[in-house]
Protein backbone atom coordinates (compact mmCIF):
# COMPACT_ATOMS: atom_id res chain seq x y z
CA UNK A 1 16.57 -3.39 14.28
CA UNK A 2 15.40 -4.91 11.01
CA UNK A 3 12.41 -3.57 9.12
CA UNK A 4 12.10 -6.64 6.88
CA UNK A 5 12.28 -10.35 7.53
CA UNK A 6 14.22 -12.56 5.14
CA UNK A 7 11.28 -13.60 2.96
CA UNK A 8 9.98 -10.07 2.51
CA UNK A 9 13.46 -8.73 1.77
CA UNK A 10 14.02 -11.34 -0.94
CA UNK A 11 10.54 -10.71 -2.35
CA UNK A 12 11.08 -6.96 -2.62
CA UNK A 13 14.59 -7.27 -4.02
CA UNK A 14 13.25 -9.48 -6.81
CA UNK A 15 10.17 -7.36 -7.43
CA UNK A 16 12.15 -4.13 -7.50
CA UNK A 17 14.42 -5.55 -10.18
CA UNK A 18 11.42 -6.75 -12.21
CA UNK A 19 9.94 -3.24 -12.09
CA UNK A 20 13.24 -1.73 -13.23
CA UNK A 21 13.54 -4.25 -16.05
CA UNK A 22 10.03 -3.40 -17.25
CA UNK A 23 10.97 0.26 -17.27
CA UNK A 24 14.15 -0.47 -19.20
CA UNK A 25 12.24 -2.59 -21.72
CA UNK A 26 9.89 0.37 -22.20
CA UNK A 27 12.90 2.55 -23.09
CA UNK A 28 13.04 4.31 -19.73
CA UNK A 29 16.63 4.58 -18.47
CA UNK A 30 16.48 7.44 -15.98
CA UNK A 31 14.08 9.52 -13.93
CA UNK A 32 13.81 12.31 -16.49
CA UNK A 33 12.53 9.82 -19.06
CA UNK A 34 10.29 8.31 -16.40
CA UNK A 35 8.62 11.61 -15.55
CA UNK A 36 8.34 12.42 -19.24
CA UNK A 37 6.57 9.12 -19.95
CA UNK A 38 4.28 9.66 -16.99
CA UNK A 39 3.22 12.95 -18.54
CA UNK A 40 4.35 14.87 -15.48
CA UNK A 41 6.72 17.26 -17.28
CA UNK A 42 4.13 18.92 -19.48
CA UNK A 43 1.28 19.65 -17.09
CA UNK A 44 3.00 22.06 -14.70
CA UNK A 45 3.31 19.58 -11.83
CA UNK A 46 7.12 19.59 -11.93
CA UNK A 47 8.83 22.95 -11.60
CA UNK A 48 11.76 23.87 -13.94
CA UNK A 49 14.39 23.55 -11.20
CA UNK A 50 13.21 20.02 -10.43
CA UNK A 51 13.24 19.11 -14.13
CA UNK A 52 16.85 20.25 -14.35
CA UNK A 53 17.72 18.11 -11.34
CA UNK A 54 16.11 15.09 -13.01
CA UNK A 55 18.24 15.71 -16.09
CA UNK A 56 21.35 15.68 -13.93
CA UNK A 57 20.66 12.05 -13.02
CA UNK A 58 20.96 12.43 -9.26
CA UNK A 59 17.68 10.60 -8.57
CA UNK A 60 17.73 6.90 -9.58
CA UNK A 61 14.59 5.01 -10.61
CA UNK A 62 14.81 3.02 -7.38
CA UNK A 63 13.72 6.17 -5.53
CA UNK A 64 10.15 5.51 -6.67
CA UNK A 65 9.87 1.92 -5.46
CA UNK A 66 7.95 1.59 -2.19
CA UNK A 67 8.40 -1.02 0.50
CA UNK A 68 7.30 -0.51 4.09
CA UNK A 69 8.39 -2.60 7.12
CA UNK A 70 7.29 -6.24 6.88
CA UNK A 71 7.86 -8.68 9.75
CA UNK A 72 4.92 -11.11 9.58
CA UNK A 73 2.40 -8.70 11.11
CA UNK A 74 -1.03 -10.14 11.80
CA UNK A 75 -2.92 -7.24 10.23
CA UNK A 76 -2.13 -6.00 6.73
CA UNK A 77 -3.48 -2.77 5.22
CA UNK A 78 -3.35 -2.56 1.42
CA UNK A 79 -4.00 0.63 -0.53
CA UNK A 80 -3.75 1.50 -4.22
CA UNK A 81 -0.44 2.92 -5.47
CA UNK A 82 2.07 5.31 -3.90
CA UNK A 83 1.08 8.04 -6.34
CA UNK A 84 3.03 11.09 -7.42
CA UNK A 85 3.08 14.12 -5.18
CA UNK A 86 1.33 17.13 -6.64
CA UNK A 87 3.48 20.10 -7.64
CA UNK A 88 6.88 18.42 -7.41
CA UNK A 89 9.57 20.97 -6.69
CA UNK A 90 13.31 20.72 -6.16
CA UNK A 91 12.95 20.29 -2.41
CA UNK A 92 11.32 16.89 -2.92
CA UNK A 93 14.25 15.73 -5.01
CA UNK A 94 17.16 17.15 -3.01
CA UNK A 95 18.32 18.26 0.45
CA UNK A 96 16.57 15.50 2.37
CA UNK A 97 13.29 15.67 0.45
CA UNK A 98 11.10 12.59 0.03
CA UNK A 99 12.62 11.27 -3.20
CA UNK A 100 16.12 12.28 -2.17
CA UNK A 101 15.84 10.16 0.98
CA UNK A 102 14.63 7.17 -1.01
CA UNK A 103 17.33 7.75 -3.62
CA UNK A 104 20.03 7.39 -0.98
CA UNK A 105 18.74 3.91 -0.20
CA UNK A 106 19.44 2.84 -3.79
CA UNK A 107 18.55 -0.82 -4.28
CA UNK A 108 18.79 -1.56 -0.54
CA UNK A 109 15.18 -2.48 0.23
CA UNK A 110 15.86 -2.56 3.97
CA UNK A 111 17.02 1.06 3.88
CA UNK A 112 14.07 1.91 1.63
CA UNK A 113 11.66 0.41 4.16
CA UNK A 114 13.13 2.56 6.93
CA UNK A 115 12.91 5.70 4.79
CA UNK A 116 9.39 4.99 3.58
CA UNK A 117 8.19 4.27 7.11
CA UNK A 118 9.24 7.69 8.33
CA UNK A 119 7.57 9.37 5.37
CA UNK A 120 4.40 7.35 5.97
CA UNK A 121 4.17 8.59 9.54
CA UNK A 122 3.67 12.07 8.15
CA UNK A 123 1.09 10.82 5.66
CA UNK A 124 -0.92 8.93 8.26
CA UNK A 125 -1.15 11.99 10.48
CA UNK A 126 -1.89 14.49 7.71
CA UNK A 127 -5.16 16.35 8.18
CA UNK A 128 -6.30 15.74 4.61
CA UNK A 129 -6.83 11.99 4.98
CA UNK A 130 -8.84 9.71 7.24
CA UNK A 131 -6.27 7.10 8.14
CA UNK A 132 -6.72 8.15 11.76
CA UNK A 133 -10.33 6.94 11.56
CA UNK A 134 -9.29 3.68 9.97
CA UNK A 135 -6.44 2.89 12.34
CA UNK A 136 -8.28 3.96 15.46
CA UNK A 137 -11.17 1.70 14.45
CA UNK A 138 -8.82 -1.25 13.98
CA UNK A 139 -7.11 -0.69 17.31
CA UNK A 140 -10.27 -0.16 19.30
CA UNK A 141 -12.14 -3.19 17.89
CA UNK A 142 -9.49 -5.88 17.33
CA UNK A 143 -8.04 -7.49 20.43
CA UNK A 144 -5.12 -8.94 18.46
CA UNK A 145 -3.69 -5.41 18.11
CA UNK A 146 -3.25 -5.06 21.84
CA UNK A 147 -3.89 -2.08 24.09
CA UNK A 148 -5.08 1.09 22.40
CA UNK A 149 -2.70 4.05 22.32
CA UNK A 150 -3.28 7.59 21.20
CA UNK A 151 -3.21 7.76 17.41
CA UNK A 152 -0.32 10.21 17.27
CA UNK A 153 1.85 8.11 19.58
CA UNK A 154 0.94 4.94 17.71
CA UNK A 155 1.95 6.02 14.22
CA UNK A 156 4.84 8.28 15.25
CA UNK A 157 6.85 6.47 17.93
CA UNK A 158 9.77 8.28 19.52
CA UNK A 159 13.36 7.43 18.69
CA UNK A 160 15.20 6.41 15.54
CA UNK A 161 15.10 2.70 16.38
CA UNK A 162 11.45 2.38 17.33
CA UNK A 163 9.77 1.93 13.94
CA UNK A 164 8.60 -1.55 14.87
CA UNK A 165 7.22 -0.39 18.21
CA UNK A 166 4.39 1.68 16.74
CA UNK A 167 2.20 1.37 13.67
CA UNK A 168 4.50 -1.04 11.85
CA UNK A 169 4.97 -3.28 14.87
CA UNK A 170 1.70 -5.13 14.37
CA UNK A 171 0.34 -3.71 11.10
CA UNK A 172 1.94 -4.31 7.72
CA UNK A 173 1.23 -1.50 5.28
CA UNK A 174 1.59 -2.08 1.55
CA UNK A 175 0.45 -0.90 -1.85
CA UNK A 176 -0.99 -3.12 -4.57
CA UNK A 177 1.20 -1.25 -7.04
CA UNK A 178 4.60 -0.33 -5.63
CA UNK A 179 6.14 2.19 -8.00
CA UNK A 180 5.20 5.84 -7.47
CA UNK A 181 3.28 6.99 -10.51
CA UNK A 182 0.41 9.11 -11.70
CA UNK A 183 -2.93 7.37 -12.14
CA UNK A 184 -2.72 7.41 -15.92
CA UNK A 185 0.52 6.66 -17.74
CA UNK A 186 1.93 5.32 -20.97
CA UNK A 187 4.06 2.48 -19.57
CA UNK A 188 2.55 -0.71 -20.90
CA UNK A 189 1.52 -3.35 -18.34
CA UNK A 190 3.25 -1.63 -15.46
CA UNK A 191 2.43 1.95 -14.60
CA UNK A 192 -1.23 1.64 -13.80
CA UNK A 193 -2.41 0.76 -10.30
CA UNK A 194 -4.73 -1.89 -11.79
CA UNK A 195 -2.14 -3.67 -13.93
CA UNK A 196 -2.28 -7.45 -13.96
CA UNK A 197 1.42 -7.64 -13.12
CA UNK A 198 1.01 -5.64 -9.92
CA UNK A 199 -2.05 -7.56 -8.76
CA UNK A 200 -0.40 -10.95 -9.15
CA UNK A 201 2.63 -9.80 -7.19
CA UNK A 202 0.39 -8.38 -4.49
CA UNK A 203 -1.44 -11.70 -4.13
CA UNK A 204 1.88 -13.47 -3.61
CA UNK A 205 2.86 -10.84 -1.03
CA UNK A 206 -0.33 -11.56 0.93
CA UNK A 207 -0.49 -15.35 0.61
CA UNK A 208 3.20 -16.31 0.63
CA UNK A 209 5.19 -13.50 2.24
CA UNK A 210 3.24 -11.72 4.97
CA UNK A 211 0.47 -14.28 5.51
CA UNK A 212 -1.60 -12.02 7.80
CA UNK A 213 -4.66 -13.14 9.70
CA UNK A 214 -6.53 -10.02 8.57
CA UNK A 215 -6.21 -8.16 5.27
CA UNK A 216 -7.81 -4.70 5.20
CA UNK A 217 -8.42 -3.66 1.59
CA UNK A 218 -8.53 0.13 1.58
CA UNK A 219 -9.91 0.92 -1.86
CA UNK A 220 -10.76 -1.46 -4.65
CA UNK A 221 -7.41 -2.71 -5.93
CA UNK A 222 -6.54 -5.10 -3.10
CA UNK A 223 -10.00 -6.67 -3.15
CA UNK A 224 -10.04 -7.03 -6.92
CA UNK A 225 -6.58 -8.62 -6.88
CA UNK A 226 -7.73 -11.28 -4.41
CA UNK A 227 -11.02 -11.82 -6.23
CA UNK A 228 -9.30 -12.26 -9.60
CA UNK A 229 -6.90 -14.80 -8.08
CA UNK A 230 -9.86 -16.79 -6.76
CA UNK A 231 -11.49 -16.68 -10.19
CA UNK A 232 -8.40 -18.50 -11.48
CA UNK A 233 -8.70 -21.08 -8.71
CA UNK A 234 -12.40 -21.76 -9.13
CA UNK A 235 -15.64 -20.08 -8.09
CA UNK A 236 -15.14 -17.18 -5.63
CA UNK A 237 -18.63 -17.81 -4.25
CA UNK A 238 -17.51 -21.27 -3.15
CA UNK A 239 -14.06 -20.22 -1.95
CA UNK A 240 -15.10 -17.13 0.04
CA UNK A 241 -17.51 -16.94 2.96
CA UNK A 242 -19.53 -13.76 3.54
CA UNK A 243 -19.93 -12.59 7.13
CA UNK A 244 -21.64 -9.23 6.64
CA UNK A 245 -25.19 -9.34 5.34
CA UNK A 246 -24.90 -5.69 4.27
CA UNK A 247 -22.20 -6.15 1.64
CA UNK A 248 -22.49 -8.81 -1.10
CA UNK A 249 -19.83 -11.05 -2.58
CA UNK A 250 -19.02 -9.30 -5.83
CA UNK A 251 -15.94 -8.20 -7.70
CA UNK A 252 -17.46 -4.73 -7.95
CA UNK A 253 -16.46 -2.11 -5.39
CA UNK A 254 -19.43 0.08 -6.29
CA UNK A 255 -19.97 2.54 -3.42
CA UNK A 256 -23.67 3.20 -3.90
CA UNK A 257 -26.38 1.49 -1.92
CA UNK A 258 -25.69 -2.23 -1.36
CA UNK A 259 -24.23 -3.05 -4.78
CA UNK A 260 -20.54 -3.21 -3.98
CA UNK A 261 -18.05 -5.05 -1.78
CA UNK A 262 -16.57 -1.82 -0.44
CA UNK A 263 -17.70 -2.33 3.16
CA UNK A 264 -17.74 -6.05 3.76
CA UNK A 265 -16.29 -8.86 5.84
CA UNK A 266 -15.18 -12.09 4.17
CA UNK A 267 -13.22 -15.20 5.05
CA UNK A 268 -10.97 -17.27 2.79
CA UNK A 269 -10.62 -20.62 4.63
CA UNK A 270 -8.00 -22.02 2.23
CA UNK A 271 -5.56 -19.28 3.30
CA UNK A 272 -6.84 -18.87 6.86
CA UNK A 273 -7.44 -15.23 5.95
CA UNK A 274 -10.09 -12.69 6.94
CA UNK A 275 -10.68 -9.81 4.53
CA UNK A 276 -12.15 -6.47 5.57
CA UNK A 277 -13.05 -4.00 2.82
CA UNK A 278 -13.48 -0.27 3.21
CA UNK A 279 -13.38 2.85 1.06
CA UNK A 280 -10.08 4.61 0.55
CA UNK A 281 -9.03 6.41 3.70
CA UNK A 282 -7.70 9.44 1.84
CA UNK A 283 -11.33 10.34 1.23
CA UNK A 284 -13.71 8.89 3.78
CA UNK A 285 -14.44 5.76 5.76
CA UNK A 286 -17.90 4.46 6.60
CA UNK A 287 -16.92 4.34 10.24
CA UNK A 288 -19.96 2.62 11.71
CA UNK A 289 -20.07 -0.09 9.04
CA UNK A 290 -16.35 -0.67 9.44
CA UNK A 291 -16.56 -0.93 13.21
CA UNK A 292 -19.58 -3.24 12.96
CA UNK A 293 -17.58 -5.57 10.72
CA UNK A 294 -14.53 -5.38 12.98
CA UNK A 295 -16.57 -6.23 16.06
CA UNK A 296 -17.99 -9.26 14.26
CA UNK A 297 -14.50 -10.23 13.14
CA UNK A 298 -13.15 -9.88 16.67
CA UNK A 299 -15.77 -12.31 17.97
CA UNK A 300 -15.14 -14.83 15.20
CA UNK A 301 -11.36 -14.74 15.34
CA UNK A 302 -11.10 -15.65 19.02
């Protein structure tokens, strides 16, 4: 069972190589140099055993590229960047740990998608985030996602060949920035989740590769990427239609009062795309506002 269709596989193969080339042009040839440039080696987040393993060169840079299953799903969830795990120890880099599993995939983006999907199942069901609230809201309010299942069964289907039967079957999950990194780095133009390079690639992923009916921007980066693309095309106020009177059309994602676009519903007719915005699910989701927007969307999309 494939995790990627042809267009998404070609897109990720090309983008992965562009990321690697940018790292090489920045003088980064291996993961030890990568972690050093990220500032991870000097702040106690990587233990000495893990640092030694990085020096040994067993973990290639491709282990930090992230692609999840993509098969033209109708709903697409976009978050910020994959991030670096806190307190990286040797177990994450060897013996079946997260980065070890991705390392085994090498440059094979299909294998990477399978590996990432299984790791994401654990993230979605972790008690420290609110993705359960987000996904349950989507499934309960949008008819295009089909019958509602229990959250645990939905994101963690049984069997090795059932990845496309659960969460990834009708929801495409992606990151605006696809290389695991800390939030602040010294890699010019690449290793920041708000880099222009990443946003432009994300826009192509949405408009040309996945082409979903609904894009759910979880956090500011997906929304800002779309908004900046529309600024290049003309006036966003003319290109976008606002469907929620409680969230204005603005590039800002300001979470206070009614100033930001962080809980809105918008339509982009030129791309036949609905856009739902919500705050990042690792922190909290304004559940009632989200469900109100989804109910309105469900009526409009019929």
